[in-house]
Amino acid sequence: MAAAQRVLNWIGVVLTVACLAAVLAGDTELIGRFEHAALPLSWVLAGGAAVAFFATELCDPKRSEAEADEDSSAQFSSEWQMAELRD
């Protein structure tokens, strides 16, 4: 896992825990200062966590779909040739 992925993953984890803490402490005076009627603090934190987790997936250094398709077609053709040789 790349360093950027680890950082984004940890940001997502921290924001998720903060979201749960904001939900549990929602009726307290401290969290009540930051709450907004139209957009609660917990929603903002949950949205930030979702964005961080999506960014982690976008940073994934996996091969592109085109490369994967080329490899699978090459594997299929080699298997087809082996089957023809057996007959």
PDB file of N, CA and C in Angstrom:
ATOM      1  N   MET A   1       0.852  -1.166   0.000  1.00  0.00           N
ATOM      2  CA  MET A   1       0.000   0.000   0.000  1.00  0.00           C
ATOM      3  C   MET A   1       0.900   1.232   0.000  1.00  0.00           C
ATOM      4  N   ALA A   2       0.605   2.137  -0.869  1.00  0.00           N
ATOM      5  CA  ALA A   2       1.414   3.341  -0.994  1.00  0.00           C
ATOM      6  C   ALA A   2       1.189   4.256   0.208  1.00  0.00           C
ATOM      7  N   ALA A   3       2.113   5.170   0.389  1.00  0.00           N
ATOM      8  CA  ALA A   3       2.030   6.086   1.535  1.00  0.00           C
ATOM      9  C   ALA A   3       0.783   6.952   1.460  1.00  0.00           C
ATOM     10  N   ALA A   4       0.444   7.409   0.262  1.00  0.00           N
ATOM     11  CA  ALA A   4      -0.752   8.246   0.112  1.00  0.00           C
ATOM     12  C   ALA A   4      -2.017   7.460   0.460  1.00  0.00           C
ATOM     13  N   GLN A   5      -2.037   6.194   0.092  1.00  0.00           N
ATOM     14  CA  GLN A   5      -3.189   5.367   0.436  1.00  0.00           C
ATOM     15  C   GLN A   5      -3.320   5.205   1.939  1.00  0.00           C
ATOM     16  N   ARG A   6      -2.185   4.960   2.609  1.00  0.00           N
ATOM     17  CA  ARG A   6      -2.224   4.795   4.060  1.00  0.00           C
ATOM     18  C   ARG A   6      -2.714   6.060   4.747  1.00  0.00           C
ATOM     19  N   VAL A   7      -2.231   7.210   4.288  1.00  0.00           N
ATOM     20  CA  VAL A   7      -2.638   8.480   4.898  1.00  0.00           C
ATOM     21  C   VAL A   7      -4.130   8.718   4.687  1.00  0.00           C
ATOM     22  N   LEU A   8      -4.613   8.508   3.459  1.00  0.00           N
ATOM     23  CA  LEU A   8      -6.038   8.711   3.185  1.00  0.00           C
ATOM     24  C   LEU A   8      -6.898   7.717   3.949  1.00  0.00           C
ATOM     25  N   ASN A   9      -6.400   6.495   4.084  1.00  0.00           N
ATOM     26  CA  ASN A   9      -7.142   5.495   4.830  1.00  0.00           C
ATOM     27  C   ASN A   9      -7.258   5.896   6.299  1.00  0.00           C
ATOM     28  N   TRP A  10      -6.160   6.375   6.893  1.00  0.00           N
ATOM     29  CA  TRP A  10      -6.198   6.805   8.280  1.00  0.00           C
ATOM     30  C   TRP A  10      -7.068   8.041   8.466  1.00  0.00           C
ATOM     31  N   ILE A  11      -7.064   8.934   7.496  1.00  0.00           N
ATOM     32  CA  ILE A  11      -7.955  10.104   7.574  1.00  0.00           C
ATOM     33  C   ILE A  11      -9.408   9.639   7.587  1.00  0.00           C
ATOM     34  N   GLY A  12      -9.726   8.672   6.746  1.00  0.00           N
ATOM     35  CA  GLY A  12     -11.085   8.123   6.720  1.00  0.00           C
ATOM     36  C   GLY A  12     -11.465   7.465   8.031  1.00  0.00           C
ATOM     37  N   VAL A  13     -10.540   6.731   8.624  1.00  0.00           N
ATOM     38  CA  VAL A  13     -10.812   6.068   9.904  1.00  0.00           C
ATOM     39  C   VAL A  13     -11.039   7.102  11.001  1.00  0.00           C
ATOM     40  N   VAL A  14     -10.181   8.112  11.056  1.00  0.00           N
ATOM     41  CA  VAL A  14     -10.308   9.147  12.085  1.00  0.00           C
ATOM     42  C   VAL A  14     -11.618   9.920  11.909  1.00  0.00           C
ATOM     43  N   LEU A  15     -11.973  10.244  10.679  1.00  0.00           N
ATOM     44  CA  LEU A  15     -13.227  10.964  10.456  1.00  0.00           C
ATOM     45  C   LEU A  15     -14.438  10.095  10.785  1.00  0.00           C
ATOM     46  N   THR A  16     -14.342   8.793  10.553  1.00  0.00           N
ATOM     47  CA  THR A  16     -15.439   7.895  10.911  1.00  0.00           C
ATOM     48  C   THR A  16     -15.623   7.846  12.428  1.00  0.00           C
ATOM     49  N   VAL A  17     -14.522   7.733  13.157  1.00  0.00           N
ATOM     50  CA  VAL A  17     -14.600   7.721  14.624  1.00  0.00           C
ATOM     51  C   VAL A  17     -15.126   9.062  15.132  1.00  0.00           C
ATOM     52  N   ALA A  18     -14.679  10.154  14.524  1.00  0.00           N
ATOM     53  CA  ALA A  18     -15.170  11.478  14.921  1.00  0.00           C
ATOM     54  C   ALA A  18     -16.662  11.619  14.627  1.00  0.00           C
ATOM     55  N   CYS A  19     -17.111  11.039  13.535  1.00  0.00           N
ATOM     56  CA  CYS A  19     -18.542  11.072  13.200  1.00  0.00           C
ATOM     57  C   CYS A  19     -19.352  10.337  14.260  1.00  0.00           C
ATOM     58  N   LEU A  20     -18.884   9.152  14.643  1.00  0.00           N
ATOM     59  CA  LEU A  20     -19.590   8.403  15.686  1.00  0.00           C
ATOM     60  C   LEU A  20     -19.578   9.153  17.011  1.00  0.00           C
ATOM     61  N   ALA A  21     -18.461   9.779  17.330  1.00  0.00           N
ATOM     62  CA  ALA A  21     -18.382  10.560  18.569  1.00  0.00           C
ATOM     63  C   ALA A  21     -19.332  11.757  18.513  1.00  0.00           C
ATOM     64  N   ALA A  22     -19.448  12.386  17.357  1.00  0.00           N
ATOM     65  CA  ALA A  22     -20.362  13.532  17.215  1.00  0.00           C
ATOM     66  C   ALA A  22     -21.819  13.090  17.352  1.00  0.00           C
ATOM     67  N   VAL A  23     -22.125  11.905  16.854  1.00  0.00           N
ATOM     68  CA  VAL A  23     -23.492  11.394  16.997  1.00  0.00           C
ATOM     69  C   VAL A  23     -23.795  11.095  18.462  1.00  0.00           C
ATOM     70  N   LEU A  24     -22.847  10.442  19.145  1.00  0.00           N
ATOM     71  CA  LEU A  24     -23.072  10.086  20.548  1.00  0.00           C
ATOM     72  C   LEU A  24     -23.103  11.306  21.457  1.00  0.00           C
ATOM     73  N   ALA A  25     -22.335  12.332  21.129  1.00  0.00           N
ATOM     74  CA  ALA A  25     -22.277  13.533  21.973  1.00  0.00           C
ATOM     75  C   ALA A  25     -23.096  14.667  21.381  1.00  0.00           C
ATOM     76  N   GLY A  26     -24.041  14.352  20.536  1.00  0.00           N
ATOM     77  CA  GLY A  26     -24.813  15.376  19.835  1.00  0.00           C
ATOM     78  C   GLY A  26     -25.626  16.291  20.731  1.00  0.00           C
ATOM     79  N   ASP A  27     -26.049  15.808  21.885  1.00  0.00           N
ATOM     80  CA  ASP A  27     -26.879  16.627  22.769  1.00  0.00           C
ATOM     81  C   ASP A  27     -26.075  17.420  23.786  1.00  0.00           C
ATOM     82  N   THR A  28     -24.774  17.331  23.730  1.00  0.00           N
ATOM     83  CA  THR A  28     -23.962  18.076  24.688  1.00  0.00           C
ATOM     84  C   THR A  28     -23.768  19.516  24.215  1.00  0.00           C
ATOM     85  N   GLU A  29     -23.394  20.361  25.142  1.00  0.00           N
ATOM     86  CA  GLU A  29     -23.215  21.777  24.815  1.00  0.00           C
ATOM     87  C   GLU A  29     -22.024  21.998  23.882  1.00  0.00           C
ATOM     88  N   LEU A  30     -20.972  21.222  24.086  1.00  0.00           N
ATOM     89  CA  LEU A  30     -19.767  21.379  23.275  1.00  0.00           C
ATOM     90  C   LEU A  30     -20.043  21.104  21.795  1.00  0.00           C
ATOM     91  N   ILE A  31     -20.674  19.995  21.510  1.00  0.00           N
ATOM     92  CA  ILE A  31     -20.979  19.653  20.118  1.00  0.00           C
ATOM     93  C   ILE A  31     -22.131  20.506  19.598  1.00  0.00           C
ATOM     94  N   GLY A  32     -23.029  20.890  20.481  1.00  0.00           N
ATOM     95  CA  GLY A  32     -24.167  21.718  20.084  1.00  0.00           C
ATOM     96  C   GLY A  32     -23.750  23.054  19.483  1.00  0.00           C
ATOM     97  N   ARG A  33     -22.605  23.568  19.868  1.00  0.00           N
ATOM     98  CA  ARG A  33     -22.116  24.833  19.298  1.00  0.00           C
ATOM     99  C   ARG A  33     -21.811  24.698  17.813  1.00  0.00           C
ATOM    100  N   PHE A  34     -21.350  23.514  17.419  1.00  0.00           N
ATOM    101  CA  PHE A  34     -20.925  23.319  16.042  1.00  0.00           C
ATOM    102  C   PHE A  34     -22.019  22.735  15.148  1.00  0.00           C
ATOM    103  N   GLU A  35     -23.135  22.378  15.746  1.00  0.00           N
ATOM    104  CA  GLU A  35     -24.221  21.803  14.958  1.00  0.00           C
ATOM    105  C   GLU A  35     -24.933  22.893  14.164  1.00  0.00           C
ATOM    106  N   HIS A  36     -25.368  22.532  12.982  1.00  0.00           N
ATOM    107  CA  HIS A  36     -26.134  23.431  12.135  1.00  0.00           C
ATOM    108  C   HIS A  36     -27.403  22.688  11.764  1.00  0.00           C
ATOM    109  N   ALA A  37     -28.514  23.395  11.713  1.00  0.00           N
ATOM    110  CA  ALA A  37     -29.794  22.733  11.462  1.00  0.00           C
ATOM    111  C   ALA A  37     -29.843  22.089  10.074  1.00  0.00           C
ATOM    112  N   ALA A  38     -29.267  22.753   9.090  1.00  0.00           N
ATOM    113  CA  ALA A  38     -29.341  22.233   7.723  1.00  0.00           C
ATOM    114  C   ALA A  38     -28.303  21.139   7.446  1.00  0.00           C
ATOM    115  N   LEU A  39     -27.150  21.233   8.088  1.00  0.00           N
ATOM    116  CA  LEU A  39     -26.080  20.272   7.829  1.00  0.00           C
ATOM    117  C   LEU A  39     -25.381  19.922   9.149  1.00  0.00           C
ATOM    118  N   PRO A  40     -25.824  18.835   9.782  1.00  0.00           N
ATOM    119  CA  PRO A  40     -25.225  18.451  11.069  1.00  0.00           C
ATOM    120  C   PRO A  40     -23.744  18.110  10.944  1.00  0.00           C
ATOM    121  N   LEU A  41     -23.018  18.293  12.021  1.00  0.00           N
ATOM    122  CA  LEU A  41     -21.589  18.033  12.052  1.00  0.00           C
ATOM    123  C   LEU A  41     -21.281  16.573  11.723  1.00  0.00           C
ATOM    124  N   SER A  42     -22.097  15.664  12.190  1.00  0.00           N
ATOM    125  CA  SER A  42     -21.858  14.246  11.931  1.00  0.00           C
ATOM    126  C   SER A  42     -21.948  13.941  10.434  1.00  0.00           C
ATOM    127  N   TRP A  43     -22.826  14.610   9.725  1.00  0.00           N
ATOM    128  CA  TRP A  43     -22.943  14.401   8.279  1.00  0.00           C
ATOM    129  C   TRP A  43     -21.699  14.906   7.562  1.00  0.00           C
ATOM    130  N   VAL A  44     -21.195  16.041   8.015  1.00  0.00           N
ATOM    131  CA  VAL A  44     -19.979  16.598   7.413  1.00  0.00           C
ATOM    132  C   VAL A  44     -18.806  15.642   7.618  1.00  0.00           C
ATOM    133  N   LEU A  45     -18.681  15.108   8.828  1.00  0.00           N
ATOM    134  CA  LEU A  45     -17.602  14.168   9.112  1.00  0.00           C
ATOM    135  C   LEU A  45     -17.765  12.869   8.324  1.00  0.00           C
ATOM    136  N   ALA A  46     -18.985  12.385   8.218  1.00  0.00           N
ATOM    137  CA  ALA A  46     -19.228  11.161   7.453  1.00  0.00           C
ATOM    138  C   ALA A  46     -18.938  11.381   5.973  1.00  0.00           C
ATOM    139  N   GLY A  47     -19.307  12.541   5.457  1.00  0.00           N
ATOM    140  CA  GLY A  47     -19.000  12.855   4.059  1.00  0.00           C
ATOM    141  C   GLY A  47     -17.503  12.945   3.813  1.00  0.00           C
ATOM    142  N   GLY A  48     -16.790  13.554   4.760  1.00  0.00           N
ATOM    143  CA  GLY A  48     -15.339  13.626   4.643  1.00  0.00           C
ATOM    144  C   GLY A  48     -14.700  12.248   4.686  1.00  0.00           C
ATOM    145  N   ALA A  49     -15.224  11.363   5.530  1.00  0.00           N
ATOM    146  CA  ALA A  49     -14.706   9.994   5.603  1.00  0.00           C
ATOM    147  C   ALA A  49     -14.960   9.254   4.294  1.00  0.00           C
ATOM    148  N   ALA A  50     -16.142   9.426   3.733  1.00  0.00           N
ATOM    149  CA  ALA A  50     -16.457   8.765   2.460  1.00  0.00           C
ATOM    150  C   ALA A  50     -15.536   9.260   1.353  1.00  0.00           C
ATOM    151  N   VAL A  51     -15.298  10.556   1.304  1.00  0.00           N
ATOM    152  CA  VAL A  51     -14.395  11.116   0.290  1.00  0.00           C
ATOM    153  C   VAL A  51     -12.982  10.569   0.476  1.00  0.00           C
ATOM    154  N   ALA A  52     -12.531  10.458   1.718  1.00  0.00           N
ATOM    155  CA  ALA A  52     -11.188   9.925   1.975  1.00  0.00           C
ATOM    156  C   ALA A  52     -11.082   8.466   1.544  1.00  0.00           C
ATOM    157  N   PHE A  53     -12.115   7.673   1.828  1.00  0.00           N
ATOM    158  CA  PHE A  53     -12.080   6.271   1.419  1.00  0.00           C
ATOM    159  C   PHE A  53     -12.160   6.124  -0.105  1.00  0.00           C
ATOM    160  N   PHE A  54     -12.954   6.962  -0.758  1.00  0.00           N
ATOM    161  CA  PHE A  54     -13.009   6.931  -2.226  1.00  0.00           C
ATOM    162  C   PHE A  54     -11.671   7.349  -2.827  1.00  0.00           C
ATOM    163  N   ALA A  55     -11.042   8.338  -2.233  1.00  0.00           N
ATOM    164  CA  ALA A  55      -9.729   8.775  -2.717  1.00  0.00           C
ATOM    165  C   ALA A  55      -8.696   7.666  -2.539  1.00  0.00           C
ATOM    166  N   THR A  56      -8.830   6.886  -1.473  1.00  0.00           N
ATOM    167  CA  THR A  56      -7.937   5.743  -1.273  1.00  0.00           C
ATOM    168  C   THR A  56      -8.080   4.759  -2.426  1.00  0.00           C
ATOM    169  N   GLU A  57      -9.309   4.524  -2.854  1.00  0.00           N
ATOM    170  CA  GLU A  57      -9.535   3.602  -3.972  1.00  0.00           C
ATOM    171  C   GLU A  57      -9.004   4.174  -5.284  1.00  0.00           C
ATOM    172  N   LEU A  58      -9.097   5.481  -5.457  1.00  0.00           N
ATOM    173  CA  LEU A  58      -8.592   6.088  -6.692  1.00  0.00           C
ATOM    174  C   LEU A  58      -7.068   6.069  -6.756  1.00  0.00           C
ATOM    175  N   CYS A  59      -6.421   6.069  -5.608  1.00  0.00           N
ATOM    176  CA  CYS A  59      -4.957   6.019  -5.564  1.00  0.00           C
ATOM    177  C   CYS A  59      -4.422   4.609  -5.740  1.00  0.00           C
ATOM    178  N   ASP A  60      -5.293   3.654  -5.899  1.00  0.00           N
ATOM    179  CA  ASP A  60      -4.878   2.255  -5.997  1.00  0.00           C
ATOM    180  C   ASP A  60      -4.066   2.044  -7.267  1.00  0.00           C
ATOM    181  N   PRO A  61      -2.844   1.534  -7.149  1.00  0.00           N
ATOM    182  CA  PRO A  61      -1.994   1.390  -8.329  1.00  0.00           C
ATOM    183  C   PRO A  61      -2.268   0.120  -9.136  1.00  0.00           C
ATOM    184  N   LYS A  62      -3.486  -0.352  -9.108  1.00  0.00           N
ATOM    185  CA  LYS A  62      -3.816  -1.545  -9.886  1.00  0.00           C
ATOM    186  C   LYS A  62      -3.749  -1.222 -11.370  1.00  0.00           C
ATOM    187  N   ARG A  63      -3.638  -2.262 -12.125  1.00  0.00           N
ATOM    188  CA  ARG A  63      -3.575  -2.085 -13.578  1.00  0.00           C
ATOM    189  C   ARG A  63      -4.899  -1.549 -14.105  1.00  0.00           C
ATOM    190  N   SER A  64      -4.833  -0.908 -15.238  1.00  0.00           N
ATOM    191  CA  SER A  64      -6.054  -0.394 -15.848  1.00  0.00           C
ATOM    192  C   SER A  64      -6.856  -1.557 -16.421  1.00  0.00           C
ATOM    193  N   GLU A  65      -8.105  -1.297 -16.719  1.00  0.00           N
ATOM    194  CA  GLU A  65      -8.965  -2.356 -17.253  1.00  0.00           C
ATOM    195  C   GLU A  65      -8.503  -2.819 -18.623  1.00  0.00           C
ATOM    196  N   ALA A  66      -7.943  -1.919 -19.417  1.00  0.00           N
ATOM    197  CA  ALA A  66      -7.474  -2.297 -20.747  1.00  0.00           C
ATOM    198  C   ALA A  66      -6.332  -3.305 -20.649  1.00  0.00           C
ATOM    199  N   GLU A  67      -5.415  -3.068 -19.719  1.00  0.00           N
ATOM    200  CA  GLU A  67      -4.315  -4.009 -19.529  1.00  0.00           C
ATOM    201  C   GLU A  67      -4.833  -5.353 -19.034  1.00  0.00           C
ATOM    202  N   ALA A  68      -5.809  -5.315 -18.159  1.00  0.00           N
ATOM    203  CA  ALA A  68      -6.372  -6.552 -17.634  1.00  0.00           C
ATOM    204  C   ALA A  68      -7.090  -7.326 -18.741  1.00  0.00           C
ATOM    205  N   ASP A  69      -7.793  -6.607 -19.632  1.00  0.00           N
ATOM    206  CA  ASP A  69      -8.478  -7.265 -20.742  1.00  0.00           C
ATOM    207  C   ASP A  69      -7.477  -7.903 -21.690  1.00  0.00           C
ATOM    208  N   GLU A  70      -6.366  -7.208 -21.946  1.00  0.00           N
ATOM    209  CA  GLU A  70      -5.349  -7.771 -22.829  1.00  0.00           C
ATOM    210  C   GLU A  70      -4.764  -9.044 -22.240  1.00  0.00           C
ATOM    211  N   ASP A  71      -4.493  -9.037 -20.957  1.00  0.00           N
ATOM    212  CA  ASP A  71      -3.933 -10.216 -20.307  1.00  0.00           C
ATOM    213  C   ASP A  71      -4.911 -11.379 -20.311  1.00  0.00           C
ATOM    214  N   SER A  72      -6.179 -11.092 -20.061  1.00  0.00           N
ATOM    215  CA  SER A  72      -7.160 -12.178 -20.029  1.00  0.00           C
ATOM    216  C   SER A  72      -7.372 -12.765 -21.419  1.00  0.00           C
ATOM    217  N   SER A  73      -7.340 -11.916 -22.465  1.00  0.00           N
ATOM    218  CA  SER A  73      -7.501 -12.458 -23.823  1.00  0.00           C
ATOM    219  C   SER A  73      -6.270 -13.260 -24.215  1.00  0.00           C
ATOM    220  N   ALA A  74      -5.083 -12.843 -23.774  1.00  0.00           N
ATOM    221  CA  ALA A  74      -3.877 -13.603 -24.065  1.00  0.00           C
ATOM    222  C   ALA A  74      -3.910 -14.940 -23.342  1.00  0.00           C
ATOM    223  N   GLN A  75      -4.402 -14.951 -22.113  1.00  0.00           N
ATOM    224  CA  GLN A  75      -4.503 -16.197 -21.368  1.00  0.00           C
ATOM    225  C   GLN A  75      -5.528 -17.112 -22.025  1.00  0.00           C
ATOM    226  N   PHE A  76      -6.640 -16.554 -22.472  1.00  0.00           N
ATOM    227  CA  PHE A  76      -7.676 -17.346 -23.120  1.00  0.00           C
ATOM    228  C   PHE A  76      -7.142 -17.962 -24.408  1.00  0.00           C
ATOM    229  N   SER A  77      -6.403 -17.195 -25.197  1.00  0.00           N
ATOM    230  CA  SER A  77      -5.890 -17.726 -26.455  1.00  0.00           C
ATOM    231  C   SER A  77      -4.857 -18.820 -26.215  1.00  0.00           C
ATOM    232  N   SER A  78      -4.031 -18.673 -25.162  1.00  0.00           N
ATOM    233  CA  SER A  78      -3.052 -19.724 -24.884  1.00  0.00           C
ATOM    234  C   SER A  78      -3.753 -20.991 -24.411  1.00  0.00           C
ATOM    235  N   GLU A  79      -4.813 -20.851 -23.618  1.00  0.00           N
ATOM    236  CA  GLU A  79      -5.572 -22.023 -23.196  1.00  0.00           C
ATOM    237  C   GLU A  79      -6.255 -22.680 -24.397  1.00  0.00           C
ATOM    238  N   TRP A  80      -6.728 -21.883 -25.334  1.00  0.00           N
ATOM    239  CA  TRP A  80      -7.379 -22.401 -26.520  1.00  0.00           C
ATOM    240  C   TRP A  80      -6.361 -23.195 -27.368  1.00  0.00           C
ATOM    241  N   GLN A  81      -5.166 -22.658 -27.487  1.00  0.00           N
ATOM    242  CA  GLN A  81      -4.119 -23.355 -28.246  1.00  0.00           C
ATOM    243  C   GLN A  81      -3.754 -24.670 -27.583  1.00  0.00           C
ATOM    244  N   MET A  82      -3.689 -24.683 -26.259  1.00  0.00           N
ATOM    245  CA  MET A  82      -3.360 -25.927 -25.563  1.00  0.00           C
ATOM    246  C   MET A  82      -4.464 -26.961 -25.778  1.00  0.00           C
ATOM    247  N   ALA A  83      -5.712 -26.520 -25.795  1.00  0.00           N
ATOM    248  CA  ALA A  83      -6.811 -27.454 -26.022  1.00  0.00           C
ATOM    249  C   ALA A  83      -6.754 -28.011 -27.446  1.00  0.00           C
ATOM    250  N   GLU A  84      -6.366 -27.194 -28.421  1.00  0.00           N
ATOM    251  CA  GLU A  84      -6.259 -27.657 -29.794  1.00  0.00           C
ATOM    252  C   GLU A  84      -5.117 -28.674 -29.937  1.00  0.00           C
ATOM    253  N   LEU A  85      -4.040 -28.437 -29.188  1.00  0.00           N
ATOM    254  CA  LEU A  85      -2.910 -29.361 -29.258  1.00  0.00           C
ATOM    255  C   LEU A  85      -3.259 -30.724 -28.674  1.00  0.00           C
ATOM    256  N   ARG A  86      -4.120 -30.758 -27.688  1.00  0.00           N
ATOM    257  CA  ARG A  86      -4.506 -32.029 -27.072  1.00  0.00           C
ATOM    258  C   ARG A  86      -5.354 -32.879 -28.007  1.00  0.00           C
ATOM    259  N   ASP A  87      -6.146 -32.205 -28.855  1.00  0.00           N
ATOM    260  CA  ASP A  87      -7.066 -32.950 -29.739  1.00  0.00           C
ATOM    261  C   ASP A  87      -6.369 -33.611 -30.834  1.00  0.00           C
TER     262      ASP A  87
END
